[in-house]
Amino acid sequence: MKIINLTAHSRIYTCNVYLVLGDHNALADVNTLIDAGRDPEAISNLKEASTGVGKKRVEQVIISIIRVMENLCLKE
C-alpha cells in the first residue's frame, strides 16, 4: 500500500488529505481519497499522482467523522 499526503506542503490551513493506492497500481486496487480538505493544491497534486494506467484517479472517498463534526461546530 502507498499512502501519499496531498497536502504535505499546503500554504493554507487545511486537514491532511491522503491518497491511498495499491503497491502495484493494479486494476483490482481501489484508489482511495481520505478527507477532502480545502486546499486547491491537493487537486493539483492528485492530478500529478501515478494512479495506474486505465484507472480512475479516485474510486472512493472516505471522510472522517471528526472532520464533519469540526465543520459543524465552526458553522455555529
Protein backbone atom coordinates (compact mmCIF):
# COMPACT_ATOMS: atom_id res chain seq x y z
CA MET A 1 0.00 0.00 0.00
CA LYS A 2 1.21 3.50 -0.87
CA ILE A 3 -0.02 6.49 1.14
CA ILE A 4 0.53 9.96 -0.32
CA ASN A 5 -0.16 13.13 1.69
CA LEU A 6 -1.55 15.51 -0.94
CA THR A 7 -1.39 18.49 1.44
CA ALA A 8 2.06 17.97 2.92
CA HIS A 9 3.21 21.39 1.70
CA SER A 10 -0.05 23.36 1.97
CA ARG A 11 0.22 27.08 2.45
CA ILE A 12 -3.28 27.42 3.88
CA TYR A 13 -4.90 25.82 6.91
CA THR A 14 -6.49 22.51 5.95
CA CYS A 15 -6.76 18.95 7.16
CA ASN A 16 -4.37 16.37 5.75
CA VAL A 17 -5.62 14.81 2.53
CA TYR A 18 -4.34 11.33 1.74
CA LEU A 19 -4.40 9.29 -1.44
CA VAL A 20 -4.13 5.55 -0.76
CA LEU A 21 -3.00 3.33 -3.65
CA GLY A 22 -2.11 -0.33 -4.08
CA ASP A 23 1.56 -1.30 -4.22
CA HIS A 24 1.49 -2.01 -7.96
CA ASN A 25 -1.44 0.18 -9.16
CA ALA A 26 -3.22 -2.98 -10.30
CA LEU A 27 -6.74 -2.78 -11.75
CA ALA A 28 -8.11 -4.57 -8.68
CA ASP A 29 -6.65 -1.95 -6.31
CA VAL A 30 -9.13 0.72 -5.16
CA ASN A 31 -7.68 4.25 -5.27
CA THR A 32 -9.00 5.98 -2.17
CA LEU A 33 -9.05 9.64 -1.14
CA ILE A 34 -9.21 10.20 2.62
CA ASP A 35 -10.61 13.57 3.70
CA ALA A 36 -11.09 16.21 1.04
CA GLY A 37 -9.54 19.22 2.74
CA ARG A 38 -9.97 22.69 1.29
CA ASP A 39 -6.63 23.46 -0.33
CA PRO A 40 -6.85 23.56 -4.16
CA GLU A 41 -3.22 22.40 -4.26
CA ALA A 42 -4.46 18.94 -3.22
CA ILE A 43 -6.25 18.65 -6.58
CA SER A 44 -3.08 19.65 -8.43
CA ASN A 45 -1.10 17.03 -6.52
CA LEU A 46 -3.82 14.44 -7.21
CA LYS A 47 -3.57 15.11 -10.95
CA GLU A 48 0.19 14.51 -10.81
CA ALA A 49 -0.01 11.26 -8.82
CA SER A 50 0.67 8.00 -10.62
CA THR A 51 -2.55 6.05 -10.04
CA GLY A 52 -2.30 3.33 -12.68
CA VAL A 53 -2.94 3.06 -16.41
CA GLY A 54 -6.63 2.89 -17.27
CA LYS A 55 -7.72 3.50 -13.68
CA LYS A 56 -9.79 6.31 -12.22
CA ARG A 57 -7.67 8.61 -10.07
CA VAL A 58 -10.19 8.30 -7.21
CA GLU A 59 -12.57 5.37 -6.90
CA GLN A 60 -13.81 6.02 -3.39
CA VAL A 61 -13.73 8.84 -0.85
CA ILE A 62 -13.62 8.42 2.90
CA ILE A 63 -14.38 11.43 5.09
CA SER A 64 -13.51 11.04 8.74
CA ILE A 65 -16.33 11.88 11.14
CA ILE A 66 -14.02 14.10 13.18
CA ARG A 67 -13.73 16.48 10.19
CA VAL A 68 -17.50 16.55 9.76
CA MET A 69 -18.03 17.37 13.44
CA GLU A 70 -15.37 20.13 13.32
CA ASN A 71 -17.11 21.75 10.37
CA LEU A 72 -20.49 21.63 12.10
CA CYS A 73 -19.01 23.28 15.19
CA LEU A 74 -17.36 26.00 13.11
CA LYS A 75 -20.70 26.94 11.49
CA GLU A 76 -22.41 27.56 14.84
